[in-house]
Amino acid sequence: MSFDRKKTIIEYTLRKEGTKPKKKNKKLRRFQQMIILIAAAIVLGYAFVVFMFQTVKMVGPSMQGTINEGETVVISKIGKLLHGVKRNDVVAVKRSNDKYYSIKRVVGVPGDKVKISGGRLYINGEYYELKSGDIIVNPGTASSEIELLDNEYFLLGDNVNNSDDSRFSNLGIVQKTDITGIVVYRIKPWSKRSKIR
């Protein structure tokens, strides 16, 4: 065998062997990139759920008929950010010193004049029918007309005669910053899964 032929065989062998580790390195790099992408997707998904949605258990009878005590609902924080808080939204409120969330329905929005007279709710002088259709026994502070300022909301429980809401000092007029989000869905009990309206 000539020297040139031996040299060619050695060069070929070295070249061939030299490519194997590169292929392994390339596969390893791809695998590492895939793991990083999966981890990033999990972290982003978790952050999305934590910062955009939250689950809350209903405490008390104030929304009986719409959300019963002990039921678990989903709060959309992003809904508040994207669409704002509107009349008839069901919202969750929690101030820094509150132990539990208060879940109520928005009846008065900034700029509204709210009054309860003769067992009926009036918004800007017009009768506003409650979802329950109930007569309001105790008007609380709304026996006199209340004008809502910027970022102020007036909330009532759907079970209006068994609700500690904006008529009373425990909750009172609610600031937009105290509204965590809009209640959008009931997830427990499983048999009653449904949108909240």
C-alpha atoms as a PDB file:
ATOM      1  CA  MET A   1       0.000   0.000   0.000  1.00  0.00           C
ATOM      2  CA  SER A   2       1.452   3.328  -1.005  1.00  0.00           C
ATOM      3  CA  PHE A   3       2.067   6.138   1.453  1.00  0.00           C
ATOM      4  CA  ASP A   4      -0.530   8.362  -0.275  1.00  0.00           C
ATOM      5  CA  ARG A   5      -3.168   5.657  -0.004  1.00  0.00           C
ATOM      6  CA  LYS A   6      -2.440   5.166   3.729  1.00  0.00           C
ATOM      7  CA  LYS A   7      -2.602   8.926   4.243  1.00  0.00           C
ATOM      8  CA  THR A   8      -5.961   9.108   2.436  1.00  0.00           C
ATOM      9  CA  ILE A   9      -7.399   6.239   4.548  1.00  0.00           C
ATOM     10  CA  ILE A  10      -6.183   7.890   7.792  1.00  0.00           C
ATOM     11  CA  GLU A  11      -7.616  11.280   6.752  1.00  0.00           C
ATOM     12  CA  TYR A  12     -10.929   9.668   5.811  1.00  0.00           C
ATOM     13  CA  THR A  13     -11.100   7.787   9.130  1.00  0.00           C
ATOM     14  CA  LEU A  14     -10.278  10.917  11.141  1.00  0.00           C
ATOM     15  CA  ARG A  15     -12.819  12.952   9.218  1.00  0.00           C
ATOM     16  CA  LYS A  16     -15.480  10.273   9.676  1.00  0.00           C
ATOM     17  CA  GLU A  17     -14.773   9.878  13.390  1.00  0.00           C
ATOM     18  CA  GLY A  18     -14.570  13.629  13.811  1.00  0.00           C
ATOM     19  CA  THR A  19     -18.136  14.046  12.565  1.00  0.00           C
ATOM     20  CA  LYS A  20     -19.660  11.637  15.084  1.00  0.00           C
ATOM     21  CA  PRO A  21     -19.161  13.800  18.177  1.00  0.00           C
ATOM     22  CA  LYS A  22     -20.535  16.794  16.242  1.00  0.00           C
ATOM     23  CA  LYS A  23     -23.760  14.875  15.502  1.00  0.00           C
ATOM     24  CA  LYS A  24     -24.051  13.879  19.161  1.00  0.00           C
ATOM     25  CA  ASN A  25     -23.427  17.482  20.230  1.00  0.00           C
ATOM     26  CA  LYS A  26     -26.064  18.702  17.786  1.00  0.00           C
ATOM     27  CA  LYS A  27     -28.618  16.203  19.132  1.00  0.00           C
ATOM     28  CA  LEU A  28     -27.730  17.148  22.713  1.00  0.00           C
ATOM     29  CA  ARG A  29     -28.132  20.853  21.913  1.00  0.00           C
ATOM     30  CA  ARG A  30     -31.526  20.214  20.306  1.00  0.00           C
ATOM     31  CA  PHE A  31     -32.628  18.201  23.340  1.00  0.00           C
ATOM     32  CA  GLN A  32     -31.481  20.981  25.704  1.00  0.00           C
ATOM     33  CA  GLN A  33     -33.312  23.601  23.635  1.00  0.00           C
ATOM     34  CA  MET A  34     -36.467  21.484  23.710  1.00  0.00           C
ATOM     35  CA  ILE A  35     -36.255  21.142  27.516  1.00  0.00           C
ATOM     36  CA  ILE A  36     -35.744  24.921  27.880  1.00  0.00           C
ATOM     37  CA  LEU A  37     -38.760  25.616  25.627  1.00  0.00           C
ATOM     38  CA  ILE A  38     -40.971  23.197  27.579  1.00  0.00           C
ATOM     39  CA  ALA A  39     -39.853  24.692  30.912  1.00  0.00           C
ATOM     40  CA  ALA A  40     -40.492  28.230  29.619  1.00  0.00           C
ATOM     41  CA  ALA A  41     -43.971  27.225  28.392  1.00  0.00           C
ATOM     42  CA  ILE A  42     -44.808  25.722  31.801  1.00  0.00           C
ATOM     43  CA  VAL A  43     -43.585  28.825  33.657  1.00  0.00           C
ATOM     44  CA  LEU A  44     -45.470  31.180  31.299  1.00  0.00           C
ATOM     45  CA  GLY A  45     -48.620  29.058  31.531  1.00  0.00           C
ATOM     46  CA  TYR A  46     -48.451  29.057  35.331  1.00  0.00           C
ATOM     47  CA  ALA A  47     -47.844  32.832  35.407  1.00  0.00           C
ATOM     48  CA  PHE A  48     -50.792  33.368  33.036  1.00  0.00           C
ATOM     49  CA  VAL A  49     -53.127  31.358  35.260  1.00  0.00           C
ATOM     50  CA  VAL A  50     -51.890  32.914  38.522  1.00  0.00           C
ATOM     51  CA  PHE A  51     -51.894  36.521  37.333  1.00  0.00           C
ATOM     52  CA  MET A  52     -54.905  36.418  35.013  1.00  0.00           C
ATOM     53  CA  PHE A  53     -57.282  34.032  36.797  1.00  0.00           C
ATOM     54  CA  GLN A  54     -57.996  32.914  40.329  1.00  0.00           C
ATOM     55  CA  THR A  55     -60.407  30.558  42.058  1.00  0.00           C
ATOM     56  CA  VAL A  56     -62.427  31.688  45.075  1.00  0.00           C
ATOM     57  CA  LYS A  57     -64.870  29.897  47.360  1.00  0.00           C
ATOM     58  CA  MET A  58     -68.153  31.704  48.038  1.00  0.00           C
ATOM     59  CA  VAL A  59     -68.561  32.647  51.698  1.00  0.00           C
ATOM     60  CA  GLY A  60     -71.990  33.658  53.002  1.00  0.00           C
ATOM     61  CA  PRO A  61     -75.514  33.756  51.530  1.00  0.00           C
ATOM     62  CA  SER A  62     -75.414  37.190  49.837  1.00  0.00           C
ATOM     63  CA  MET A  63     -75.413  35.798  46.270  1.00  0.00           C
ATOM     64  CA  GLN A  64     -77.730  32.845  46.991  1.00  0.00           C
ATOM     65  CA  GLY A  65     -79.508  31.785  43.825  1.00  0.00           C
ATOM     66  CA  THR A  66     -76.650  32.948  41.597  1.00  0.00           C
ATOM     67  CA  ILE A  67     -73.692  31.582  43.590  1.00  0.00           C
ATOM     68  CA  ASN A  68     -74.444  29.491  46.654  1.00  0.00           C
ATOM     69  CA  GLU A  69     -72.302  29.333  49.771  1.00  0.00           C
ATOM     70  CA  GLY A  70     -69.392  26.906  49.388  1.00  0.00           C
ATOM     71  CA  GLU A  71     -69.375  26.970  45.577  1.00  0.00           C
ATOM     72  CA  THR A  72     -66.056  27.685  43.848  1.00  0.00           C
ATOM     73  CA  VAL A  73     -65.862  30.274  41.094  1.00  0.00           C
ATOM     74  CA  VAL A  74     -63.210  31.584  38.702  1.00  0.00           C
ATOM     75  CA  ILE A  75     -62.274  35.272  38.786  1.00  0.00           C
ATOM     76  CA  SER A  76     -60.948  36.844  35.591  1.00  0.00           C
ATOM     77  CA  LYS A  77     -58.391  39.509  36.471  1.00  0.00           C
ATOM     78  CA  ILE A  78     -57.645  40.098  32.795  1.00  0.00           C
ATOM     79  CA  GLY A  79     -61.347  40.751  32.133  1.00  0.00           C
ATOM     80  CA  LYS A  80     -61.197  43.724  34.478  1.00  0.00           C
ATOM     81  CA  LEU A  81     -58.069  45.022  32.740  1.00  0.00           C
ATOM     82  CA  LEU A  82     -59.309  44.554  29.170  1.00  0.00           C
ATOM     83  CA  HIS A  83     -63.002  45.418  29.454  1.00  0.00           C
ATOM     84  CA  GLY A  84     -63.279  47.380  32.695  1.00  0.00           C
ATOM     85  CA  VAL A  85     -66.013  46.892  35.286  1.00  0.00           C
ATOM     86  CA  LYS A  86     -69.549  47.315  33.982  1.00  0.00           C
ATOM     87  CA  ARG A  87     -73.008  47.444  35.474  1.00  0.00           C
ATOM     88  CA  ASN A  88     -74.394  43.962  36.138  1.00  0.00           C
ATOM     89  CA  ASP A  89     -70.922  42.353  36.352  1.00  0.00           C
ATOM     90  CA  VAL A  90     -70.474  40.004  39.293  1.00  0.00           C
ATOM     91  CA  VAL A  91     -67.178  40.967  40.923  1.00  0.00           C
ATOM     92  CA  ALA A  92     -64.874  39.820  43.711  1.00  0.00           C
ATOM     93  CA  VAL A  93     -63.665  42.443  46.181  1.00  0.00           C
ATOM     94  CA  LYS A  94     -60.876  42.046  48.701  1.00  0.00           C
ATOM     95  CA  ARG A  95     -59.284  44.856  50.641  1.00  0.00           C
ATOM     96  CA  SER A  96     -55.950  44.469  52.409  1.00  0.00           C
ATOM     97  CA  ASN A  97     -57.546  43.823  55.823  1.00  0.00           C
ATOM     98  CA  ASP A  98     -60.256  41.430  54.533  1.00  0.00           C
ATOM     99  CA  LYS A  99     -60.015  37.736  55.343  1.00  0.00           C
ATOM    100  CA  TYR A 100     -62.391  36.628  52.579  1.00  0.00           C
ATOM    101  CA  TYR A 101     -63.473  37.862  49.175  1.00  0.00           C
ATOM    102  CA  SER A 102     -66.836  39.631  48.931  1.00  0.00           C
ATOM    103  CA  ILE A 103     -68.676  38.575  45.793  1.00  0.00           C
ATOM    104  CA  LYS A 104     -71.418  40.991  44.701  1.00  0.00           C
ATOM    105  CA  ARG A 105     -73.128  42.427  41.628  1.00  0.00           C
ATOM    106  CA  VAL A 106     -72.271  45.895  40.276  1.00  0.00           C
ATOM    107  CA  VAL A 107     -75.396  48.081  40.096  1.00  0.00           C
ATOM    108  CA  GLY A 108     -73.809  51.541  40.193  1.00  0.00           C
ATOM    109  CA  VAL A 109     -70.813  52.730  38.155  1.00  0.00           C
ATOM    110  CA  PRO A 110     -68.825  56.003  38.214  1.00  0.00           C
ATOM    111  CA  GLY A 111     -71.048  59.034  37.606  1.00  0.00           C
ATOM    112  CA  ASP A 112     -74.266  57.239  38.645  1.00  0.00           C
ATOM    113  CA  LYS A 113     -76.690  58.542  41.246  1.00  0.00           C
ATOM    114  CA  VAL A 114     -77.950  55.632  43.358  1.00  0.00           C
ATOM    115  CA  LYS A 115     -80.984  55.673  45.644  1.00  0.00           C
ATOM    116  CA  ILE A 116     -83.225  53.069  47.258  1.00  0.00           C
ATOM    117  CA  SER A 117     -86.758  54.262  47.909  1.00  0.00           C
ATOM    118  CA  GLY A 118     -89.947  52.325  48.646  1.00  0.00           C
ATOM    119  CA  GLY A 119     -88.030  49.041  48.434  1.00  0.00           C
ATOM    120  CA  ARG A 120     -86.829  49.792  44.910  1.00  0.00           C
ATOM    121  CA  LEU A 121     -83.435  50.667  43.469  1.00  0.00           C
ATOM    122  CA  TYR A 122     -83.140  53.790  41.334  1.00  0.00           C
ATOM    123  CA  ILE A 123     -80.144  54.582  39.132  1.00  0.00           C
ATOM    124  CA  ASN A 124     -80.035  58.159  37.833  1.00  0.00           C
ATOM    125  CA  GLY A 125     -83.700  58.545  38.768  1.00  0.00           C
ATOM    126  CA  GLU A 126     -84.843  55.458  36.836  1.00  0.00           C
ATOM    127  CA  TYR A 127     -86.114  52.242  38.402  1.00  0.00           C
ATOM    128  CA  TYR A 128     -83.555  49.445  38.085  1.00  0.00           C
ATOM    129  CA  GLU A 129     -84.978  45.958  38.493  1.00  0.00           C
ATOM    130  CA  LEU A 130     -82.859  43.594  40.550  1.00  0.00           C
ATOM    131  CA  LYS A 131     -82.038  40.164  39.140  1.00  0.00           C
ATOM    132  CA  SER A 132     -83.993  38.554  41.988  1.00  0.00           C
ATOM    133  CA  GLY A 133     -86.925  40.950  41.592  1.00  0.00           C
ATOM    134  CA  ASP A 134     -86.993  41.301  45.400  1.00  0.00           C
ATOM    135  CA  ILE A 135     -88.224  44.358  47.287  1.00  0.00           C
ATOM    136  CA  ILE A 136     -85.318  45.860  49.271  1.00  0.00           C
ATOM    137  CA  VAL A 137     -86.268  45.882  52.961  1.00  0.00           C
ATOM    138  CA  ASN A 138     -83.293  47.911  54.260  1.00  0.00           C
ATOM    139  CA  PRO A 139     -81.988  50.736  52.037  1.00  0.00           C
ATOM    140  CA  GLY A 140     -79.055  51.461  54.376  1.00  0.00           C
ATOM    141  CA  THR A 141     -77.022  54.503  53.315  1.00  0.00           C
ATOM    142  CA  ALA A 142     -78.785  54.526  49.933  1.00  0.00           C
ATOM    143  CA  SER A 143     -81.965  55.896  51.526  1.00  0.00           C
ATOM    144  CA  SER A 144     -80.379  59.223  50.518  1.00  0.00           C
ATOM    145  CA  GLU A 145     -79.086  59.642  46.978  1.00  0.00           C
ATOM    146  CA  ILE A 146     -75.421  58.668  46.556  1.00  0.00           C
ATOM    147  CA  GLU A 147     -73.421  60.096  43.661  1.00  0.00           C
ATOM    148  CA  LEU A 148     -70.535  57.867  42.619  1.00  0.00           C
ATOM    149  CA  LEU A 149     -67.227  59.544  41.825  1.00  0.00           C
ATOM    150  CA  ASP A 150     -64.505  58.357  39.421  1.00  0.00           C
ATOM    151  CA  ASN A 151     -63.504  54.735  40.111  1.00  0.00           C
ATOM    152  CA  GLU A 152     -66.370  54.232  42.613  1.00  0.00           C
ATOM    153  CA  TYR A 153     -68.862  51.366  42.376  1.00  0.00           C
ATOM    154  CA  PHE A 154     -72.056  50.475  44.227  1.00  0.00           C
ATOM    155  CA  LEU A 155     -72.537  46.729  44.758  1.00  0.00           C
ATOM    156  CA  LEU A 156     -75.504  44.664  45.912  1.00  0.00           C
ATOM    157  CA  GLY A 157     -75.839  40.970  46.656  1.00  0.00           C
ATOM    158  CA  ASP A 158     -78.404  39.118  44.523  1.00  0.00           C
ATOM    159  CA  ASN A 159     -79.907  37.843  47.793  1.00  0.00           C
ATOM    160  CA  VAL A 160     -80.431  41.516  48.597  1.00  0.00           C
ATOM    161  CA  ASN A 161     -82.208  41.099  51.940  1.00  0.00           C
ATOM    162  CA  ASN A 162     -79.451  38.884  53.309  1.00  0.00           C
ATOM    163  CA  SER A 163     -76.413  40.737  51.980  1.00  0.00           C
ATOM    164  CA  ASP A 164     -73.798  42.986  53.566  1.00  0.00           C
ATOM    165  CA  ASP A 165     -73.040  45.197  50.563  1.00  0.00           C
ATOM    166  CA  SER A 166     -72.521  48.839  49.526  1.00  0.00           C
ATOM    167  CA  ARG A 167     -75.568  49.914  51.567  1.00  0.00           C
ATOM    168  CA  PHE A 168     -73.662  49.214  54.766  1.00  0.00           C
ATOM    169  CA  SER A 169     -70.377  50.436  56.248  1.00  0.00           C
ATOM    170  CA  ASN A 170     -68.673  47.000  56.310  1.00  0.00           C
ATOM    171  CA  LEU A 171     -68.347  47.151  52.516  1.00  0.00           C
ATOM    172  CA  GLY A 172     -69.596  50.599  51.537  1.00  0.00           C
ATOM    173  CA  ILE A 173     -68.747  52.234  48.217  1.00  0.00           C
ATOM    174  CA  VAL A 174     -66.061  50.158  46.470  1.00  0.00           C
ATOM    175  CA  GLN A 175     -63.001  51.583  44.727  1.00  0.00           C
ATOM    176  CA  LYS A 176     -61.955  50.049  41.401  1.00  0.00           C
ATOM    177  CA  THR A 177     -58.574  49.132  42.913  1.00  0.00           C
ATOM    178  CA  ASP A 178     -60.369  46.929  45.485  1.00  0.00           C
ATOM    179  CA  ILE A 179     -62.053  44.877  42.750  1.00  0.00           C
ATOM    180  CA  THR A 180     -59.845  41.845  42.097  1.00  0.00           C
ATOM    181  CA  GLY A 181     -61.680  40.744  38.996  1.00  0.00           C
ATOM    182  CA  ILE A 182     -64.909  39.666  37.343  1.00  0.00           C
ATOM    183  CA  VAL A 183     -66.508  36.378  38.381  1.00  0.00           C
ATOM    184  CA  VAL A 184     -66.938  34.444  35.141  1.00  0.00           C
ATOM    185  CA  TYR A 185     -67.449  30.747  35.838  1.00  0.00           C
ATOM    186  CA  ARG A 186     -68.585  28.278  38.517  1.00  0.00           C
ATOM    187  CA  ILE A 187     -66.294  25.235  38.650  1.00  0.00           C
ATOM    188  CA  LYS A 188     -67.574  23.498  41.809  1.00  0.00           C
ATOM    189  CA  PRO A 189     -69.750  21.634  42.392  1.00  0.00           C
ATOM    190  CA  TRP A 190     -68.932  19.746  39.207  1.00  0.00           C
ATOM    191  CA  SER A 191     -72.606  19.115  38.429  1.00  0.00           C
ATOM    192  CA  LYS A 192     -73.319  22.886  38.386  1.00  0.00           C
ATOM    193  CA  ARG A 193     -70.441  24.060  36.160  1.00  0.00           C
ATOM    194  CA  SER A 194     -71.670  27.128  34.314  1.00  0.00           C
ATOM    195  CA  LYS A 195     -71.014  30.738  33.325  1.00  0.00           C
ATOM    196  CA  ILE A 196     -71.944  33.345  35.897  1.00  0.00           C
ATOM    197  CA  ARG A 197     -74.454  35.866  34.603  1.00  0.00           C
END
